[in-house]
């Protein structure tokens, strides 16, 4: 099978500058997956706060009374299927940077989870592809966790 770059008629892989621009323009909040998740959760009757800056990691959805923080993570940036992702990145352009970047993101997500757990928060991380595949199922996971925590208190 021909290399991917061959289909672009000899164009070189993106430069570090182009990679930097791509990262800068990627949405930090209000992504399509987040909006789908919010709409589905709202339709369950739950109300939440969005992008709470006072909590570690700035969770996408926060249910303060239940102390539940929900993150809707992008598959690429947060390392879904991490081993195979790192393997692909290692074979690509600017490999050391991208492997380091995605690994650091995963480590940061783990630190954030630990900090929230130590403060008494329950953390739910959903992959964007899961939300796209079935927003109602994702909302059901959120509502089950929130209502379960509210019953305990």
N, C-alpha and C. Protein backbone atom coordinates (compact mmCIF):
# COMPACT_ATOMS: atom_id res chain seq x y z
N UNK A 1 0.85 -1.18 0.00
CA UNK A 1 0.00 0.00 0.00
C UNK A 1 0.89 1.24 0.00
N UNK A 2 0.52 2.24 -0.76
CA UNK A 2 1.31 3.47 -0.86
C UNK A 2 1.25 4.26 0.44
N UNK A 3 2.33 4.94 0.73
CA UNK A 3 2.36 5.78 1.94
C UNK A 3 1.32 6.89 1.81
N UNK A 4 0.81 7.35 2.93
CA UNK A 4 -0.22 8.39 2.95
C UNK A 4 0.27 9.65 2.26
N UNK A 5 1.50 10.06 2.53
CA UNK A 5 2.01 11.29 1.93
C UNK A 5 2.06 11.22 0.41
N UNK A 6 2.18 10.03 -0.16
CA UNK A 6 2.23 9.90 -1.61
C UNK A 6 0.91 10.35 -2.22
N UNK A 7 -0.19 10.22 -1.51
CA UNK A 7 -1.48 10.64 -2.04
C UNK A 7 -1.59 12.16 -2.11
N UNK A 8 -0.71 12.87 -1.41
CA UNK A 8 -0.73 14.32 -1.44
C UNK A 8 0.31 14.87 -2.42
N UNK A 9 0.70 14.05 -3.39
CA UNK A 9 1.58 14.43 -4.48
C UNK A 9 2.88 15.09 -4.01
N UNK A 10 3.58 14.38 -3.12
CA UNK A 10 4.89 14.82 -2.73
C UNK A 10 4.96 15.87 -1.63
N UNK A 11 3.84 16.25 -1.06
CA UNK A 11 3.89 17.23 0.02
C UNK A 11 4.56 16.62 1.24
N UNK A 12 5.41 17.40 1.89
CA UNK A 12 6.10 16.94 3.09
C UNK A 12 5.14 16.96 4.27
N UNK A 13 5.46 16.19 5.31
CA UNK A 13 4.62 16.22 6.52
C UNK A 13 4.62 17.63 7.12
N UNK A 14 3.67 17.88 7.96
CA UNK A 14 3.54 19.20 8.58
C UNK A 14 4.79 19.56 9.36
N UNK A 15 5.15 20.81 9.31
CA UNK A 15 6.31 21.30 10.03
C UNK A 15 5.94 21.49 11.51
N UNK A 16 6.94 21.65 12.36
CA UNK A 16 6.63 21.95 13.76
C UNK A 16 5.77 23.20 13.91
N UNK A 17 5.98 24.19 13.07
CA UNK A 17 5.17 25.41 13.13
C UNK A 17 3.71 25.10 12.79
N UNK A 18 3.50 24.27 11.76
CA UNK A 18 2.13 23.90 11.38
C UNK A 18 1.47 23.08 12.49
N UNK A 19 2.25 22.22 13.14
CA UNK A 19 1.73 21.44 14.26
C UNK A 19 1.31 22.36 15.40
N UNK A 20 2.12 23.37 15.67
CA UNK A 20 1.82 24.33 16.74
C UNK A 20 0.52 25.08 16.44
N UNK A 21 0.33 25.49 15.20
CA UNK A 21 -0.88 26.19 14.79
C UNK A 21 -2.10 25.29 14.94
N UNK A 22 -1.96 24.02 14.56
CA UNK A 22 -3.07 23.07 14.68
C UNK A 22 -3.49 22.91 16.14
N UNK A 23 -2.50 22.81 17.03
CA UNK A 23 -2.81 22.66 18.46
C UNK A 23 -3.51 23.91 18.99
N UNK A 24 -3.03 25.07 18.59
CA UNK A 24 -3.58 26.32 19.09
C UNK A 24 -5.03 26.51 18.66
N UNK A 25 -5.37 26.00 17.48
CA UNK A 25 -6.72 26.19 16.98
C UNK A 25 -7.68 25.08 17.41
N UNK A 26 -7.18 24.03 18.05
CA UNK A 26 -8.09 22.98 18.50
C UNK A 26 -8.89 23.51 19.69
N UNK A 27 -10.16 23.22 19.70
CA UNK A 27 -11.07 23.74 20.72
C UNK A 27 -10.70 23.22 22.10
N UNK A 28 -10.71 24.11 23.07
CA UNK A 28 -10.45 23.73 24.45
C UNK A 28 -11.76 23.42 25.17
N UNK A 29 -12.83 24.00 24.70
CA UNK A 29 -14.15 23.76 25.29
C UNK A 29 -15.21 23.92 24.20
N UNK A 30 -16.42 23.51 24.54
CA UNK A 30 -17.54 23.58 23.60
C UNK A 30 -17.28 22.80 22.32
N UNK A 31 -16.60 21.66 22.45
CA UNK A 31 -16.39 20.81 21.28
C UNK A 31 -17.71 20.17 20.90
N UNK A 32 -17.78 19.62 19.73
CA UNK A 32 -19.02 18.97 19.27
C UNK A 32 -19.44 17.86 20.22
N UNK A 33 -18.46 17.08 20.69
CA UNK A 33 -18.78 15.99 21.62
C UNK A 33 -19.31 16.53 22.94
N UNK A 34 -18.69 17.58 23.46
CA UNK A 34 -19.17 18.19 24.70
C UNK A 34 -20.60 18.70 24.56
N UNK A 35 -20.87 19.38 23.46
CA UNK A 35 -22.21 19.91 23.25
C UNK A 35 -23.24 18.79 23.15
N UNK A 36 -22.90 17.71 22.47
CA UNK A 36 -23.81 16.56 22.39
C UNK A 36 -24.06 15.97 23.77
N UNK A 37 -22.99 15.83 24.55
CA UNK A 37 -23.12 15.28 25.90
C UNK A 37 -23.97 16.19 26.76
N UNK A 38 -23.70 17.48 26.72
CA UNK A 38 -24.49 18.43 27.53
C UNK A 38 -25.97 18.35 27.20
N UNK A 39 -26.27 18.33 25.91
CA UNK A 39 -27.68 18.26 25.49
C UNK A 39 -28.33 16.97 26.00
N UNK A 40 -27.64 15.86 25.88
CA UNK A 40 -28.21 14.58 26.32
C UNK A 40 -28.38 14.56 27.84
N UNK A 41 -27.41 15.09 28.58
CA UNK A 41 -27.52 15.13 30.05
C UNK A 41 -28.63 16.08 30.47
N UNK A 42 -28.73 17.22 29.81
CA UNK A 42 -29.78 18.19 30.12
C UNK A 42 -31.15 17.54 29.92
N UNK A 43 -31.29 16.74 28.88
CA UNK A 43 -32.56 16.07 28.60
C UNK A 43 -32.93 15.02 29.64
N UNK A 44 -31.96 14.60 30.47
CA UNK A 44 -32.28 13.67 31.56
C UNK A 44 -32.86 14.42 32.76
N UNK A 45 -32.80 15.75 32.72
CA UNK A 45 -33.32 16.56 33.81
C UNK A 45 -32.24 17.06 34.76
N UNK A 46 -31.01 16.65 34.57
CA UNK A 46 -29.92 17.10 35.43
C UNK A 46 -29.45 18.48 35.00
N UNK A 47 -29.04 19.28 35.98
CA UNK A 47 -28.46 20.59 35.72
C UNK A 47 -27.04 20.61 36.22
N UNK A 48 -26.19 21.36 35.57
CA UNK A 48 -24.75 21.28 35.83
C UNK A 48 -24.10 22.62 35.54
N UNK A 49 -22.87 22.74 35.98
CA UNK A 49 -22.02 23.88 35.63
C UNK A 49 -21.03 23.40 34.58
N UNK A 50 -20.53 24.33 33.78
CA UNK A 50 -19.66 23.99 32.66
C UNK A 50 -18.29 24.64 32.86
N UNK A 51 -17.22 23.87 32.56
CA UNK A 51 -15.86 24.41 32.51
C UNK A 51 -15.49 25.16 33.79
N UNK A 52 -15.60 24.49 34.91
CA UNK A 52 -15.37 25.11 36.22
C UNK A 52 -13.88 25.30 36.45
N UNK A 53 -13.45 26.54 36.45
CA UNK A 53 -12.02 26.87 36.53
C UNK A 53 -11.42 26.64 37.91
N UNK A 54 -12.26 26.59 38.94
CA UNK A 54 -11.74 26.44 40.30
C UNK A 54 -11.39 24.99 40.64
N UNK A 55 -11.78 24.05 39.80
CA UNK A 55 -11.47 22.65 40.05
C UNK A 55 -10.28 22.21 39.18
N UNK A 56 -9.47 21.31 39.69
CA UNK A 56 -8.33 20.81 38.90
C UNK A 56 -8.80 20.23 37.57
N UNK A 57 -8.13 20.61 36.50
CA UNK A 57 -8.44 20.08 35.18
C UNK A 57 -9.60 20.75 34.48
N UNK A 58 -10.28 21.68 35.14
CA UNK A 58 -11.44 22.36 34.57
C UNK A 58 -12.42 21.38 33.95
N UNK A 59 -13.11 20.59 34.78
CA UNK A 59 -14.04 19.59 34.24
C UNK A 59 -15.06 20.20 33.29
N UNK A 60 -15.48 19.40 32.32
CA UNK A 60 -16.44 19.87 31.33
C UNK A 60 -17.84 20.03 31.92
N UNK A 61 -18.23 19.11 32.78
CA UNK A 61 -19.51 19.19 33.48
C UNK A 61 -19.26 18.97 34.97
N UNK A 62 -19.91 19.78 35.79
CA UNK A 62 -19.74 19.65 37.24
C UNK A 62 -21.11 19.62 37.90
N UNK A 63 -21.29 18.62 38.75
CA UNK A 63 -22.49 18.46 39.54
C UNK A 63 -22.07 18.65 41.00
N UNK A 64 -22.15 19.88 41.48
CA UNK A 64 -21.59 20.24 42.79
C UNK A 64 -22.22 19.48 43.94
N UNK A 65 -23.54 19.37 43.97
CA UNK A 65 -24.21 18.71 45.08
C UNK A 65 -23.78 17.25 45.21
N UNK A 66 -23.57 16.59 44.09
CA UNK A 66 -23.15 15.19 44.09
C UNK A 66 -21.64 15.05 44.10
N UNK A 67 -20.94 16.16 43.91
CA UNK A 67 -19.47 16.17 43.81
C UNK A 67 -19.00 15.20 42.72
N UNK A 68 -19.55 15.42 41.53
CA UNK A 68 -19.19 14.63 40.35
C UNK A 68 -18.62 15.58 39.29
N UNK A 69 -17.46 15.21 38.77
CA UNK A 69 -16.80 15.97 37.70
C UNK A 69 -16.74 15.07 36.47
N UNK A 70 -17.19 15.58 35.33
CA UNK A 70 -17.22 14.81 34.10
C UNK A 70 -16.32 15.48 33.06
N UNK A 71 -15.48 14.66 32.43
CA UNK A 71 -14.62 15.12 31.36
C UNK A 71 -15.02 14.41 30.08
N UNK A 72 -15.09 15.14 28.99
CA UNK A 72 -15.34 14.57 27.67
C UNK A 72 -14.04 14.72 26.90
N UNK A 73 -13.26 13.66 26.84
CA UNK A 73 -11.89 13.71 26.32
C UNK A 73 -11.81 13.35 24.85
N UNK A 74 -11.05 14.14 24.12
CA UNK A 74 -10.78 13.85 22.71
C UNK A 74 -9.90 12.61 22.60
N UNK A 75 -10.22 11.74 21.68
CA UNK A 75 -9.49 10.47 21.53
C UNK A 75 -8.01 10.71 21.25
N UNK A 76 -7.69 11.66 20.39
CA UNK A 76 -6.29 11.89 20.04
C UNK A 76 -5.54 12.56 21.20
N UNK A 77 -6.01 13.69 21.65
CA UNK A 77 -5.28 14.50 22.62
C UNK A 77 -5.13 13.83 23.97
N UNK A 78 -6.07 12.96 24.34
CA UNK A 78 -6.01 12.33 25.66
C UNK A 78 -5.59 10.87 25.60
N UNK A 79 -5.19 10.40 24.43
CA UNK A 79 -4.54 9.11 24.31
C UNK A 79 -5.43 7.88 24.39
N UNK A 80 -6.55 7.91 23.69
CA UNK A 80 -7.36 6.69 23.64
C UNK A 80 -6.56 5.61 22.94
N UNK A 81 -6.64 4.38 23.43
CA UNK A 81 -5.85 3.27 22.89
C UNK A 81 -4.38 3.67 22.86
N UNK A 82 -3.89 4.04 24.03
CA UNK A 82 -2.59 4.70 24.16
C UNK A 82 -1.44 3.94 23.50
N UNK A 83 -1.33 2.65 23.72
CA UNK A 83 -0.20 1.90 23.14
C UNK A 83 -0.15 2.00 21.63
N UNK A 84 -1.28 1.74 21.00
CA UNK A 84 -1.28 1.79 19.52
C UNK A 84 -1.13 3.23 19.04
N UNK A 85 -1.69 4.19 19.77
CA UNK A 85 -1.54 5.60 19.38
C UNK A 85 -0.07 6.01 19.43
N UNK A 86 0.62 5.66 20.53
CA UNK A 86 2.03 6.02 20.66
C UNK A 86 2.88 5.34 19.59
N UNK A 87 2.52 4.12 19.25
CA UNK A 87 3.24 3.40 18.21
C UNK A 87 3.10 4.12 16.86
N UNK A 88 1.89 4.57 16.55
CA UNK A 88 1.67 5.31 15.30
C UNK A 88 2.40 6.65 15.32
N UNK A 89 2.33 7.33 16.46
CA UNK A 89 3.00 8.63 16.56
C UNK A 89 4.51 8.48 16.43
N UNK A 90 5.05 7.41 16.99
CA UNK A 90 6.50 7.18 16.93
C UNK A 90 6.98 6.98 15.49
N UNK A 91 6.09 6.56 14.62
CA UNK A 91 6.46 6.33 13.22
C UNK A 91 6.23 7.57 12.35
N UNK A 92 5.66 8.64 12.93
CA UNK A 92 5.30 9.80 12.13
C UNK A 92 6.29 10.95 12.23
N UNK A 93 5.88 12.08 11.72
CA UNK A 93 6.69 13.29 11.71
C UNK A 93 6.78 13.88 13.12
N UNK A 94 7.95 14.37 13.48
CA UNK A 94 8.16 15.01 14.77
C UNK A 94 7.79 14.05 15.91
N UNK A 95 8.16 12.81 15.76
CA UNK A 95 7.73 11.72 16.65
C UNK A 95 8.03 11.97 18.11
N UNK A 96 9.22 12.41 18.44
CA UNK A 96 9.57 12.58 19.85
C UNK A 96 8.65 13.61 20.51
N UNK A 97 8.33 14.68 19.78
CA UNK A 97 7.43 15.69 20.33
C UNK A 97 6.06 15.12 20.61
N UNK A 98 5.47 14.45 19.60
CA UNK A 98 4.10 13.97 19.74
C UNK A 98 3.97 12.87 20.78
N UNK A 99 4.92 11.96 20.84
CA UNK A 99 4.88 10.90 21.86
C UNK A 99 4.95 11.54 23.23
N UNK A 100 5.84 12.50 23.39
CA UNK A 100 5.99 13.19 24.67
C UNK A 100 4.72 13.97 25.02
N UNK A 101 4.15 14.66 24.05
CA UNK A 101 2.95 15.48 24.27
C UNK A 101 1.77 14.64 24.72
N UNK A 102 1.47 13.57 24.01
CA UNK A 102 0.30 12.75 24.35
C UNK A 102 0.55 12.02 25.68
N UNK A 103 1.75 11.54 25.91
CA UNK A 103 2.08 10.89 27.18
C UNK A 103 1.92 11.87 28.34
N UNK A 104 2.35 13.10 28.15
CA UNK A 104 2.21 14.12 29.20
C UNK A 104 0.75 14.43 29.46
N UNK A 105 -0.07 14.47 28.41
CA UNK A 105 -1.51 14.72 28.58
C UNK A 105 -2.14 13.61 29.42
N UNK A 106 -1.78 12.37 29.13
CA UNK A 106 -2.33 11.23 29.88
C UNK A 106 -1.89 11.31 31.34
N UNK A 107 -0.64 11.64 31.57
CA UNK A 107 -0.14 11.78 32.95
C UNK A 107 -0.86 12.90 33.68
N UNK A 108 -1.08 14.02 32.98
CA UNK A 108 -1.81 15.14 33.58
C UNK A 108 -3.24 14.74 33.94
N UNK A 109 -3.90 13.98 33.06
CA UNK A 109 -5.26 13.53 33.34
C UNK A 109 -5.29 12.64 34.59
N UNK A 110 -4.29 11.80 34.76
CA UNK A 110 -4.21 10.94 35.94
C UNK A 110 -3.99 11.76 37.21
N UNK A 111 -3.12 12.77 37.13
CA UNK A 111 -2.90 13.66 38.29
C UNK A 111 -4.18 14.40 38.66
N UNK A 112 -4.87 14.89 37.66
CA UNK A 112 -6.13 15.61 37.88
C UNK A 112 -7.14 14.72 38.58
N UNK A 113 -7.25 13.49 38.11
CA UNK A 113 -8.18 12.54 38.72
C UNK A 113 -7.83 12.31 40.19
N UNK A 114 -6.54 12.12 40.47
CA UNK A 114 -6.11 11.91 41.87
C UNK A 114 -6.44 13.11 42.74
N UNK A 115 -6.18 14.32 42.24
CA UNK A 115 -6.46 15.53 43.01
C UNK A 115 -7.95 15.65 43.32
N UNK A 116 -8.78 15.40 42.32
CA UNK A 116 -10.22 15.48 42.54
C UNK A 116 -10.70 14.41 43.52
N UNK A 117 -10.20 13.19 43.35
CA UNK A 117 -10.61 12.09 44.25
C UNK A 117 -10.23 12.43 45.70
N UNK A 118 -9.03 12.96 45.91
CA UNK A 118 -8.59 13.32 47.26
C UNK A 118 -9.47 14.40 47.88
N UNK A 119 -10.09 15.21 47.04
CA UNK A 119 -10.97 16.27 47.52
C UNK A 119 -12.42 15.80 47.65
N UNK A 120 -12.65 14.51 47.44
CA UNK A 120 -13.99 13.97 47.62
C UNK A 120 -14.87 13.96 46.39
N UNK A 121 -14.27 14.21 45.23
CA UNK A 121 -15.03 14.22 43.98
C UNK A 121 -14.96 12.86 43.31
N UNK A 122 -16.02 12.50 42.64
CA UNK A 122 -16.02 11.32 41.77
C UNK A 122 -15.78 11.84 40.36
N UNK A 123 -14.93 11.15 39.61
CA UNK A 123 -14.55 11.60 38.27
C UNK A 123 -15.02 10.59 37.24
N UNK A 124 -15.65 11.10 36.19
CA UNK A 124 -16.06 10.27 35.07
C UNK A 124 -15.43 10.85 33.81
N UNK A 125 -14.69 10.02 33.10
CA UNK A 125 -14.08 10.44 31.84
C UNK A 125 -14.74 9.66 30.71
N UNK A 126 -15.25 10.38 29.73
CA UNK A 126 -15.89 9.78 28.57
C UNK A 126 -15.08 10.14 27.33
N UNK A 127 -14.93 9.18 26.42
CA UNK A 127 -14.23 9.44 25.17
C UNK A 127 -15.20 10.08 24.18
N UNK A 128 -14.69 11.02 23.39
CA UNK A 128 -15.54 11.70 22.42
C UNK A 128 -16.20 10.71 21.46
N UNK A 129 -15.49 9.67 21.06
CA UNK A 129 -16.06 8.70 20.12
C UNK A 129 -17.22 7.94 20.76
N UNK A 130 -17.17 7.71 22.07
CA UNK A 130 -18.28 7.07 22.77
C UNK A 130 -19.50 7.99 22.79
N UNK A 131 -19.25 9.26 23.01
CA UNK A 131 -20.35 10.23 23.03
C UNK A 131 -20.97 10.34 21.64
N UNK A 132 -20.13 10.41 20.61
CA UNK A 132 -20.65 10.47 19.24
C UNK A 132 -21.47 9.23 18.91
N UNK A 133 -21.00 8.07 19.34
CA UNK A 133 -21.67 6.81 19.01
C UNK A 133 -23.04 6.71 19.68
N UNK A 134 -23.15 7.17 20.93
CA UNK A 134 -24.41 7.04 21.65
C UNK A 134 -24.49 8.05 22.78
N UNK A 135 -24.92 9.28 22.47
CA UNK A 135 -24.97 10.33 23.50
C UNK A 135 -25.91 9.97 24.67
N UNK A 136 -26.99 9.26 24.38
CA UNK A 136 -27.92 8.90 25.45
C UNK A 136 -27.29 7.90 26.42
N UNK A 137 -26.50 6.98 25.91
CA UNK A 137 -25.81 6.02 26.77
C UNK A 137 -24.80 6.75 27.66
N UNK A 138 -24.09 7.72 27.10
CA UNK A 138 -23.14 8.52 27.88
C UNK A 138 -23.88 9.30 28.96
N UNK A 139 -25.01 9.90 28.59
CA UNK A 139 -25.81 10.67 29.56
C UNK A 139 -26.34 9.76 30.66
N UNK A 140 -26.68 8.54 30.30
CA UNK A 140 -27.17 7.59 31.29
C UNK A 140 -26.07 7.24 32.30
N UNK A 141 -24.84 7.10 31.82
CA UNK A 141 -23.70 6.85 32.72
C UNK A 141 -23.51 8.01 33.68
N UNK A 142 -23.62 9.23 33.15
CA UNK A 142 -23.49 10.43 33.99
C UNK A 142 -24.61 10.48 35.02
N UNK A 143 -25.84 10.33 34.58
CA UNK A 143 -26.97 10.45 35.51
C UNK A 143 -26.95 9.33 36.55
N UNK A 144 -26.54 8.14 36.16
CA UNK A 144 -26.44 7.05 37.13
C UNK A 144 -25.44 7.37 38.23
N UNK A 145 -24.30 7.92 37.85
CA UNK A 145 -23.29 8.29 38.83
C UNK A 145 -23.77 9.43 39.72
N UNK A 146 -24.36 10.44 39.12
CA UNK A 146 -24.83 11.60 39.89
C UNK A 146 -25.93 11.19 40.87
N UNK A 147 -26.95 10.49 40.39
CA UNK A 147 -28.04 10.08 41.29
C UNK A 147 -27.55 9.10 42.35
N UNK A 148 -26.62 8.23 41.99
CA UNK A 148 -26.06 7.30 42.97
C UNK A 148 -25.33 8.03 44.09
N UNK A 149 -24.58 9.06 43.73
CA UNK A 149 -23.86 9.86 44.74
C UNK A 149 -24.83 10.67 45.59
N UNK A 150 -25.90 11.17 44.98
CA UNK A 150 -26.88 11.96 45.75
C UNK A 150 -27.61 11.08 46.76
N UNK A 151 -27.90 9.84 46.39
CA UNK A 151 -28.58 8.92 47.31
C UNK A 151 -27.73 8.61 48.52
N UNK A 152 -26.40 8.54 48.32
CA UNK A 152 -25.49 8.22 49.42
C UNK A 152 -25.37 9.35 50.43
N UNK A 153 -25.59 10.59 49.97
CA UNK A 153 -25.39 11.72 50.89
C UNK A 153 -26.60 12.06 51.70
